[in-house]
Amino acid sequence: MLRWIIFVIAYFVLGLYTLQALKTVTRYPWVYYLFITVAVVVLGNFIYQFTFGEEEGRVLSRPKSYAFGFLLTVLSFELVTILFLFSEDIFRFLSSVYYKFSGESKQFTFPERRKFLSMIGLGLAAIPFGALLYGMYKGKYNFKVLKYNLEFDDLPDGFDGYQITQISDVHSGSFDNRKKIEYAIDLVNKQKSDVILFTGDLVNNMATEMEPWADLFATLDAKDGKFSILGNHDYGDYVDWDTEEAKHQNLEDLKTLQRNIGFDLLLNENRYLKRGDDKIALVGVENWGRGGFKKAGDLKKAVADINKDDFKILMSHDPSHWEDVVLHDEYHYHLTLSGHTHGMQFGIEIPGWIKWSPVKWRYRYWAGIYKELGQYINVNRGFGFLGYPGRVGIWPEITVITLKKKA
C-alpha cells in the first residue's frame, strides 16, 4: 500500500510541474483541464488494472498491458518536460541568488519562466509521447523481413543457397488483431524458404493463449518442415499455479499444441536436414539463460549422437547461452539462432548508421547478426510483443538467412 501512495504522490508532483510548463505556453484553460483529465484517467486505469482488475493466473493480461503502455506514455511526456525545464529552474535559482546578494534586488524572487524554453521542452516531450502512442497503434505490427547471406568454407555443397526463415518470441497472449497476424503469417510463407525455425516463447504464460491463433500458425509451410524450441515464457514460470501438477500439465499442453500445428519441437535434441548425400545437423536446446532465467538447456545431450565435424545450426532461445557456453564449447556451431531480447521493443535503427537500444546494457548480443571465433549468431528482434503493447524503432522481425558456400 505504501508504494502505491508514494507512486501516486510522485506522479502528481510530476504532473503539477508539467502543468506549469503548459500554463507558461498557453492561457487557454481547456488545455490544462484536458491534461489533468488524461493524467488522472490514465493513472486511475493503471491502479485499477493492477489491483481490482487482476486476472487470475496471468502475470500481464492485455488490459494491464495497455494500462502500463498509456502510463508509460504520459510519464515520458512529463519526464522529458521536467528534465528540460529543471535546467532552467537551476538557472533561475542561481540568478535569484546573484541578484539578492549583489544588492540588485531586495527580495529573493525567481525570474519568470521563459515561454520559448517551455515551448521547446513541451515540443521535445511530444516526440516520445507520440512515438509511444504510434508504437501501440501501428508499430507492434510493422513487420519487417530482414535478409542475410552468410558464407561458410565447410558448408556441404548441397546446401549452397539453402534458405532459412526464423521467427521468434511470438507471445501470442498479447495479440489483439487477427488481420495483422494473418498478414504476418502470409509474409512468412511468401519467403518460400526451405525450412522454418521458431526459437521460443510461443506464449506469455499459458498454453491456452495460443489456441485462438493455432489455425493460423498451422498454415506456415516449408518444404523441409518447421522446427521449434522452448523459450523461458513457455514453461509457465511466471504464473502462481495452484499446484505443480497444473503447471506441468500446462507445459505438456503447450508441447502438444506445437506438434498439432506442425512444429517438430526439439527438446535438447537434433535432426538432420538432407540434400542428396549431404546433410547438416539442426540442434535444438531448451531454454538456457544467464542470471535467474531457467537453465534447462543441455547442449551435450542435444549433440550426443552427431558427429563433431558436422555442419551445425543451433537453436537456443537466449543469446547469453551463445556467449557463455556455445562459443567456447569443443564443438563448432556454425550458426546459432536466438531471440529473447525483443530489442527491448524500443530503440533507434538506421541501417549503416546507427543501431541502439537500452537493452544493449543487459545483452552484448541483442539484435541482428554477430560473428565471434568463426561462429555466427542471429538474434531475432521478435515476432510479437510483451509488457509495453507496442514497438518503437525496433520492429517485429521475420529473418531470412541464405547459406552460401564460400568460393
Protein backbone atom coordinates (compact mmCIF):
# COMPACT_ATOMS: atom_id res chain seq x y z
CA MET A 1 0.00 0.00 0.00
CA LEU A 2 2.80 2.38 0.89
CA ARG A 3 4.42 2.00 -2.53
CA TRP A 4 1.13 2.91 -4.21
CA ILE A 5 0.87 6.07 -2.08
CA ILE A 6 4.46 7.07 -2.88
CA PHE A 7 3.91 6.39 -6.58
CA VAL A 8 0.69 8.44 -6.73
CA ILE A 9 2.32 11.37 -4.92
CA ALA A 10 5.33 11.30 -7.27
CA TYR A 11 3.02 11.06 -10.30
CA PHE A 12 1.05 14.13 -9.30
CA VAL A 13 4.20 16.11 -8.45
CA LEU A 14 5.45 15.39 -11.99
CA GLY A 15 2.05 16.34 -13.36
CA LEU A 16 1.97 19.68 -11.50
CA TYR A 17 5.42 20.55 -12.80
CA THR A 18 4.33 19.80 -16.38
CA LEU A 19 1.16 21.82 -15.84
CA GLN A 20 3.30 24.85 -15.03
CA ALA A 21 5.00 24.49 -18.39
CA LEU A 22 1.61 24.35 -20.12
CA LYS A 23 0.48 27.48 -18.30
CA THR A 24 3.60 29.28 -19.48
CA VAL A 25 2.91 28.38 -23.10
CA THR A 26 -0.85 28.88 -23.33
CA ARG A 27 -3.58 30.77 -21.48
CA TYR A 28 -6.44 28.52 -22.62
CA PRO A 29 -7.91 26.74 -19.54
CA TRP A 30 -9.26 23.84 -21.61
CA VAL A 31 -5.65 22.76 -22.33
CA TYR A 32 -4.96 22.49 -18.59
CA TYR A 33 -8.19 20.60 -17.94
CA LEU A 34 -7.52 18.21 -20.80
CA PHE A 35 -4.04 17.40 -19.48
CA ILE A 36 -5.36 16.91 -15.92
CA THR A 37 -8.19 14.67 -17.15
CA VAL A 38 -5.89 12.48 -19.25
CA ALA A 39 -3.34 12.17 -16.43
CA VAL A 40 -6.00 11.22 -13.86
CA VAL A 41 -7.80 8.72 -16.12
CA VAL A 42 -4.54 7.00 -17.13
CA LEU A 43 -3.40 6.72 -13.51
CA GLY A 44 -6.81 5.53 -12.35
CA ASN A 45 -6.96 2.83 -15.01
CA PHE A 46 -3.44 1.69 -14.17
CA ILE A 47 -4.23 1.38 -10.44
CA TYR A 48 -7.50 -0.43 -11.18
CA GLN A 49 -5.96 -2.93 -13.62
CA PHE A 50 -3.09 -3.80 -11.30
CA THR A 51 -5.28 -4.17 -8.19
CA PHE A 52 -9.02 -4.89 -8.62
CA GLY A 53 -8.68 -5.72 -12.30
CA GLU A 54 -6.16 -8.51 -11.72
CA GLU A 55 -6.92 -11.58 -13.83
CA GLU A 56 -6.38 -14.82 -12.01
CA GLY A 57 -3.37 -16.82 -13.17
CA ARG A 58 -2.00 -14.21 -15.58
CA VAL A 59 1.00 -12.03 -14.92
CA LEU A 60 0.29 -9.40 -17.57
CA SER A 61 -3.16 -9.52 -19.17
CA ARG A 62 -4.00 -7.45 -22.24
CA PRO A 63 -5.89 -4.71 -20.29
CA LYS A 64 -3.00 -4.47 -17.82
CA SER A 65 -0.54 -4.26 -20.68
CA TYR A 66 -2.38 -1.32 -22.22
CA ALA A 67 -2.76 0.35 -18.83
CA PHE A 68 1.01 0.14 -18.45
CA GLY A 69 1.55 1.40 -22.00
CA PHE A 70 -0.60 4.51 -21.55
CA LEU A 71 1.00 5.25 -18.17
CA LEU A 72 4.45 4.96 -19.75
CA THR A 73 3.35 7.37 -22.50
CA VAL A 74 2.17 10.03 -20.04
CA LEU A 75 5.22 9.58 -17.82
CA SER A 76 7.54 10.01 -20.80
CA PHE A 77 5.84 13.32 -21.64
CA GLU A 78 6.16 14.54 -18.04
CA LEU A 79 9.73 13.39 -17.51
CA VAL A 80 11.12 14.92 -20.69
CA THR A 81 9.36 18.20 -19.91
CA ILE A 82 10.71 18.22 -16.36
CA LEU A 83 14.26 17.30 -17.31
CA PHE A 84 14.33 20.17 -19.80
CA LEU A 85 12.73 22.74 -17.51
CA PHE A 86 14.70 21.72 -14.44
CA SER A 87 17.85 23.11 -16.03
CA GLU A 88 16.02 26.41 -16.48
CA ASP A 89 14.96 26.36 -12.82
CA ILE A 90 18.57 25.89 -11.72
CA PHE A 91 19.48 28.96 -13.77
CA ARG A 92 16.51 30.88 -12.31
CA PHE A 93 17.57 29.95 -8.77
CA LEU A 94 21.21 30.96 -9.32
CA SER A 95 20.06 34.24 -10.90
CA SER A 96 17.88 34.96 -7.87
CA VAL A 97 20.76 34.27 -5.50
CA TYR A 98 23.06 36.54 -7.52
CA TYR A 99 20.58 39.44 -7.64
CA LYS A 100 19.83 39.09 -3.93
CA PHE A 101 23.41 39.08 -2.68
CA SER A 102 24.70 41.59 -5.23
CA GLY A 103 22.19 44.10 -3.96
CA GLU A 104 20.40 44.47 -7.29
CA SER A 105 17.21 43.09 -5.74
CA LYS A 106 15.92 43.49 -2.20
CA GLN A 107 13.76 40.38 -2.37
CA PHE A 108 14.58 36.78 -3.22
CA THR A 109 12.33 36.18 -6.22
CA PHE A 110 12.50 33.80 -9.17
CA PRO A 111 12.56 35.28 -12.65
CA GLU A 112 9.55 34.27 -14.74
CA ARG A 113 9.78 31.23 -16.93
CA ARG A 114 10.73 31.97 -20.49
CA LYS A 115 7.92 30.98 -22.84
CA PHE A 116 10.13 29.79 -25.67
CA LEU A 117 12.04 27.37 -23.37
CA SER A 118 8.77 25.87 -22.15
CA MET A 119 7.67 25.51 -25.77
CA ILE A 120 10.90 23.72 -26.65
CA GLY A 121 10.56 21.42 -23.63
CA LEU A 122 6.98 20.52 -24.46
CA GLY A 123 7.91 20.05 -28.11
CA LEU A 124 10.67 17.63 -27.20
CA ALA A 125 8.37 15.80 -24.79
CA ALA A 126 5.83 15.35 -27.59
CA ILE A 127 8.33 13.21 -29.53
CA PRO A 128 8.43 10.16 -27.18
CA PHE A 129 4.76 10.75 -26.33
CA GLY A 130 3.75 10.46 -29.98
CA ALA A 131 6.21 7.65 -30.67
CA LEU A 132 4.87 5.50 -27.83
CA LEU A 133 1.29 6.03 -28.96
CA TYR A 134 2.29 5.14 -32.54
CA GLY A 135 4.11 2.07 -31.24
CA MET A 136 0.89 0.81 -29.65
CA TYR A 137 -1.31 1.69 -32.60
CA LYS A 138 0.88 0.70 -35.56
CA GLY A 139 4.44 -0.18 -34.58
CA LYS A 140 3.73 -3.53 -32.94
CA TYR A 141 2.50 -4.95 -36.25
CA ASN A 142 5.01 -3.18 -38.51
CA PHE A 143 6.57 -6.47 -39.65
CA LYS A 144 9.94 -6.33 -41.40
CA VAL A 145 11.65 -9.06 -43.43
CA LEU A 146 15.40 -8.89 -42.82
CA LYS A 147 17.59 -10.86 -45.23
CA TYR A 148 21.17 -12.04 -44.72
CA ASN A 149 23.64 -14.06 -46.81
CA LEU A 150 26.16 -15.97 -44.68
CA GLU A 151 29.20 -17.66 -46.22
CA PHE A 152 30.95 -20.76 -44.85
CA ASP A 153 34.06 -22.61 -46.00
CA ASP A 154 32.75 -26.02 -44.96
CA LEU A 155 29.10 -25.75 -45.96
CA PRO A 156 28.12 -29.00 -47.72
CA ASP A 157 27.75 -28.39 -51.45
CA GLY A 158 24.11 -29.48 -51.49
CA PHE A 159 23.19 -26.64 -49.12
CA ASP A 160 24.69 -23.80 -51.14
CA GLY A 161 21.78 -21.37 -51.41
CA TYR A 162 19.75 -23.09 -48.69
CA GLN A 163 17.23 -20.61 -47.21
CA ILE A 164 16.09 -20.45 -43.59
CA THR A 165 13.25 -18.36 -42.18
CA GLN A 166 13.50 -17.68 -38.47
CA ILE A 167 10.75 -16.30 -36.26
CA SER A 168 10.95 -15.91 -32.50
CA ASP A 169 9.08 -14.63 -29.45
CA VAL A 170 5.54 -14.88 -30.76
CA HIS A 171 3.95 -14.11 -27.36
CA SER A 172 0.50 -14.98 -28.70
CA GLY A 173 -1.20 -13.92 -25.47
CA SER A 174 -0.54 -10.29 -26.41
CA PHE A 175 -2.13 -10.37 -29.89
CA ASP A 176 -5.28 -8.31 -30.48
CA ASN A 177 -5.63 -8.06 -34.28
CA ARG A 178 -6.26 -11.20 -36.30
CA LYS A 179 -5.92 -9.47 -39.68
CA LYS A 180 -2.41 -8.30 -38.82
CA ILE A 181 -1.35 -11.79 -37.74
CA GLU A 182 -2.82 -13.26 -40.93
CA TYR A 183 -0.73 -10.76 -42.88
CA ALA A 184 2.43 -11.71 -40.96
CA ILE A 185 1.90 -15.45 -41.45
CA ASP A 186 1.36 -14.85 -45.17
CA LEU A 187 4.57 -12.78 -45.23
CA VAL A 188 6.50 -15.71 -43.74
CA ASN A 189 5.11 -18.12 -46.32
CA LYS A 190 5.87 -15.73 -49.18
CA GLN A 191 9.60 -16.12 -48.44
CA LYS A 192 9.32 -19.74 -49.69
CA SER A 193 12.22 -20.84 -47.52
CA ASP A 194 13.47 -24.41 -47.33
CA VAL A 195 12.84 -24.58 -43.57
CA ILE A 196 11.13 -22.51 -40.88
CA LEU A 197 12.74 -22.33 -37.44
CA PHE A 198 10.98 -20.92 -34.39
CA THR A 199 13.23 -20.03 -31.45
CA GLY A 200 10.89 -19.95 -28.46
CA ASP A 201 8.30 -18.05 -26.41
CA LEU A 202 5.13 -19.09 -28.18
CA VAL A 203 3.04 -17.74 -25.29
CA ASN A 204 3.34 -15.27 -22.43
CA ASN A 205 2.45 -17.78 -19.75
CA MET A 206 -0.31 -20.26 -20.59
CA ALA A 207 -0.86 -22.73 -23.42
CA THR A 208 -4.47 -21.54 -23.85
CA GLU A 209 -3.20 -18.17 -25.12
CA MET A 210 -2.19 -19.84 -28.38
CA GLU A 211 -5.48 -21.59 -29.07
CA PRO A 212 -7.16 -18.69 -30.97
CA TRP A 213 -4.12 -18.41 -33.24
CA ALA A 214 -3.24 -22.08 -33.72
CA ASP A 215 -5.09 -22.42 -37.04
CA LEU A 216 -3.09 -19.51 -38.50
CA PHE A 217 0.31 -20.83 -37.41
CA ALA A 218 -0.64 -24.27 -38.70
CA THR A 219 -0.60 -22.78 -42.20
CA LEU A 220 3.13 -21.98 -42.00
CA ASP A 221 4.79 -24.11 -44.64
CA ALA A 222 8.31 -25.06 -45.76
CA LYS A 223 9.49 -27.98 -47.87
CA ASP A 224 11.84 -29.34 -45.17
CA GLY A 225 9.38 -28.66 -42.36
CA LYS A 226 9.21 -26.34 -39.39
CA PHE A 227 11.08 -26.84 -36.14
CA SER A 228 10.81 -25.18 -32.74
CA ILE A 229 12.29 -24.92 -29.26
CA LEU A 230 11.04 -23.60 -25.92
CA GLY A 231 11.71 -20.12 -24.50
CA ASN A 232 11.65 -19.00 -20.89
CA HIS A 233 7.98 -17.92 -21.03
CA ASP A 234 6.83 -21.29 -22.35
CA TYR A 235 7.44 -23.07 -19.04
CA GLY A 236 4.77 -21.12 -17.12
CA ASP A 237 7.29 -19.97 -14.53
CA TYR A 238 5.69 -16.51 -14.18
CA VAL A 239 2.26 -17.76 -13.06
CA ASP A 240 1.21 -18.53 -9.49
CA TRP A 241 -0.16 -22.01 -10.19
CA ASP A 242 -2.46 -23.74 -7.73
CA THR A 243 -0.40 -26.93 -7.95
CA GLU A 244 2.81 -28.16 -9.55
CA GLU A 245 0.66 -30.64 -11.45
CA ALA A 246 -1.26 -27.79 -13.10
CA LYS A 247 1.99 -26.11 -14.12
CA HIS A 248 3.35 -29.38 -15.52
CA GLN A 249 0.12 -30.02 -17.43
CA ASN A 250 0.29 -26.53 -18.96
CA LEU A 251 3.75 -27.30 -20.35
CA GLU A 252 2.59 -30.65 -21.71
CA ASP A 253 -0.41 -28.95 -23.33
CA LEU A 254 1.91 -26.44 -24.98
CA LYS A 255 4.15 -29.18 -26.32
CA THR A 256 1.12 -31.00 -27.73
CA LEU A 257 -0.20 -27.79 -29.27
CA GLN A 258 3.12 -27.11 -31.01
CA ARG A 259 3.12 -30.57 -32.50
CA ASN A 260 -0.53 -30.23 -33.56
CA ILE A 261 0.25 -27.10 -35.59
CA GLY A 262 3.09 -28.90 -37.33
CA PHE A 263 6.20 -27.92 -35.39
CA ASP A 264 8.84 -30.55 -34.66
CA LEU A 265 9.71 -29.48 -31.10
CA LEU A 266 13.37 -30.12 -30.24
CA LEU A 267 13.91 -30.71 -26.51
CA ASN A 268 17.70 -31.00 -26.23
CA GLU A 269 17.60 -32.99 -29.46
CA ASN A 270 18.78 -32.86 -33.05
CA ARG A 271 17.61 -33.64 -36.54
CA TYR A 272 19.46 -33.94 -39.84
CA LEU A 273 18.43 -31.87 -42.84
CA LYS A 274 19.40 -33.60 -46.07
CA ARG A 275 20.13 -32.67 -49.67
CA GLY A 276 21.06 -35.79 -51.59
CA ASP A 277 24.11 -37.27 -49.88
CA ASP A 278 24.83 -34.02 -47.96
CA LYS A 279 23.42 -33.19 -44.55
CA ILE A 280 23.58 -30.57 -41.84
CA ALA A 281 22.73 -31.05 -38.17
CA LEU A 282 19.91 -28.99 -36.69
CA VAL A 283 20.29 -28.84 -32.90
CA GLY A 284 17.64 -27.52 -30.52
CA VAL A 285 18.13 -26.91 -26.81
CA GLU A 286 15.65 -25.97 -24.13
CA ASN A 287 15.93 -22.54 -22.55
CA TRP A 288 19.27 -21.59 -21.02
CA GLY A 289 19.56 -18.04 -19.74
CA ARG A 290 22.07 -16.08 -17.70
CA GLY A 291 21.09 -14.97 -14.21
CA GLY A 292 17.72 -16.03 -12.89
CA PHE A 293 16.39 -17.47 -16.14
CA LYS A 294 15.69 -21.20 -16.48
CA LYS A 295 18.69 -23.33 -17.38
CA ALA A 296 17.03 -26.41 -18.85
CA GLY A 297 19.21 -26.39 -21.96
CA ASP A 298 21.62 -29.32 -22.20
CA LEU A 299 23.98 -28.85 -25.12
CA LYS A 300 25.89 -32.09 -24.53
CA LYS A 301 22.70 -34.12 -24.55
CA ALA A 302 21.47 -32.37 -27.68
CA VAL A 303 24.55 -33.31 -29.71
CA ALA A 304 25.26 -36.70 -28.15
CA ASP A 305 24.64 -38.62 -31.38
CA ILE A 306 26.02 -36.23 -34.01
CA ASN A 307 29.49 -36.00 -35.47
CA LYS A 308 31.79 -33.28 -34.21
CA ASP A 309 32.69 -32.33 -37.77
CA ASP A 310 29.09 -31.97 -38.98
CA PHE A 311 27.93 -28.56 -40.14
CA LYS A 312 25.69 -27.44 -37.26
CA ILE A 313 22.84 -24.97 -36.80
CA LEU A 314 21.86 -24.44 -33.18
CA MET A 315 18.53 -23.12 -31.95
CA SER A 316 18.87 -21.59 -28.48
CA HIS A 317 16.37 -19.01 -27.22
CA ASP A 318 18.60 -16.79 -25.08
CA PRO A 319 21.73 -15.24 -26.70
CA SER A 320 23.55 -15.28 -23.35
CA HIS A 321 23.79 -19.06 -23.87
CA TRP A 322 25.83 -18.45 -27.02
CA GLU A 323 28.10 -16.01 -25.22
CA ASP A 324 28.59 -18.03 -22.03
CA VAL A 325 28.53 -21.63 -23.27
CA VAL A 326 28.26 -22.22 -27.01
CA LEU A 327 31.16 -20.08 -28.23
CA HIS A 328 33.66 -21.95 -26.07
CA ASP A 329 32.29 -25.45 -26.50
CA GLU A 330 34.53 -28.11 -28.01
CA TYR A 331 32.07 -28.41 -30.89
CA HIS A 332 31.96 -25.70 -33.54
CA TYR A 333 28.45 -24.30 -34.03
CA HIS A 334 28.45 -22.59 -37.40
CA LEU A 335 25.20 -20.69 -36.88
CA THR A 336 23.14 -20.11 -33.74
CA LEU A 337 19.62 -18.69 -33.87
CA SER A 338 18.25 -16.87 -30.82
CA GLY A 339 15.66 -14.31 -29.77
CA HIS A 340 14.55 -13.36 -26.25
CA THR A 341 15.67 -9.71 -26.10
CA HIS A 342 12.93 -8.21 -28.35
CA GLY A 343 15.47 -5.42 -28.87
CA MET A 344 13.56 -4.11 -25.80
CA GLN A 345 10.84 -3.11 -28.34
CA PHE A 346 12.37 0.36 -28.23
CA GLY A 347 15.39 1.87 -29.92
CA ILE A 348 16.79 3.59 -32.98
CA GLU A 349 17.92 1.70 -36.07
CA ILE A 350 19.09 3.31 -39.29
CA PRO A 351 20.88 0.63 -41.37
CA GLY A 352 24.52 1.52 -41.90
CA TRP A 353 24.31 4.43 -39.47
CA ILE A 354 23.08 3.55 -36.01
CA LYS A 355 21.72 0.59 -34.04
CA TRP A 356 20.88 1.38 -30.43
CA SER A 357 18.56 0.21 -27.70
CA PRO A 358 18.79 0.32 -23.90
CA VAL A 359 18.78 -3.48 -23.95
CA LYS A 360 22.44 -3.34 -25.08
CA TRP A 361 23.34 -2.59 -21.44
CA ARG A 362 21.91 -6.01 -20.50
CA TYR A 363 22.84 -8.11 -23.54
CA ARG A 364 26.01 -7.76 -25.56
CA TYR A 365 24.38 -9.56 -28.50
CA TRP A 366 20.85 -8.16 -28.70
CA ALA A 367 19.72 -7.85 -32.34
CA GLY A 368 20.94 -8.97 -35.75
CA ILE A 369 23.98 -10.89 -36.95
CA TYR A 370 27.21 -11.20 -34.92
CA LYS A 371 30.34 -13.21 -35.57
CA GLU A 372 32.83 -14.42 -32.96
CA LEU A 373 35.52 -17.11 -33.19
CA GLY A 374 34.36 -18.04 -36.69
CA GLN A 375 30.78 -18.66 -35.46
CA TYR A 376 27.65 -16.68 -36.31
CA ILE A 377 24.60 -15.82 -34.24
CA ASN A 378 21.40 -14.11 -35.32
CA VAL A 379 19.36 -12.54 -32.53
CA ASN A 380 15.84 -12.12 -33.86
CA ARG A 381 14.00 -8.98 -32.64
CA GLY A 382 10.83 -10.97 -32.09
CA PHE A 383 7.52 -11.52 -33.85
CA GLY A 384 5.26 -10.35 -31.01
CA PHE A 385 5.47 -8.08 -28.00
CA LEU A 386 5.26 -8.27 -24.23
CA GLY A 387 4.76 -5.73 -21.42
CA TYR A 388 4.55 -2.46 -23.32
CA PRO A 389 1.97 -3.31 -26.02
CA GLY A 390 3.88 -1.76 -28.87
CA ARG A 391 7.20 -1.22 -30.61
CA VAL A 392 9.13 1.96 -31.31
CA GLY A 393 12.07 1.81 -33.72
CA ILE A 394 12.65 -1.92 -33.13
CA TRP A 395 10.08 -3.53 -35.40
CA PRO A 396 8.76 -7.12 -35.37
CA GLU A 397 11.07 -9.28 -37.43
CA ILE A 398 10.97 -12.15 -39.87
CA THR A 399 14.54 -13.24 -40.59
CA VAL A 400 15.56 -14.88 -43.86
CA ILE A 401 19.08 -16.35 -43.90
CA THR A 402 20.64 -17.83 -47.03
CA LEU A 403 23.59 -20.17 -46.55
CA LYS A 404 26.38 -19.75 -49.10
CA LYS A 405 29.43 -21.85 -49.90
CA LYS A 406 32.44 -19.57 -49.77
CA ALA A 407 34.24 -19.55 -53.12
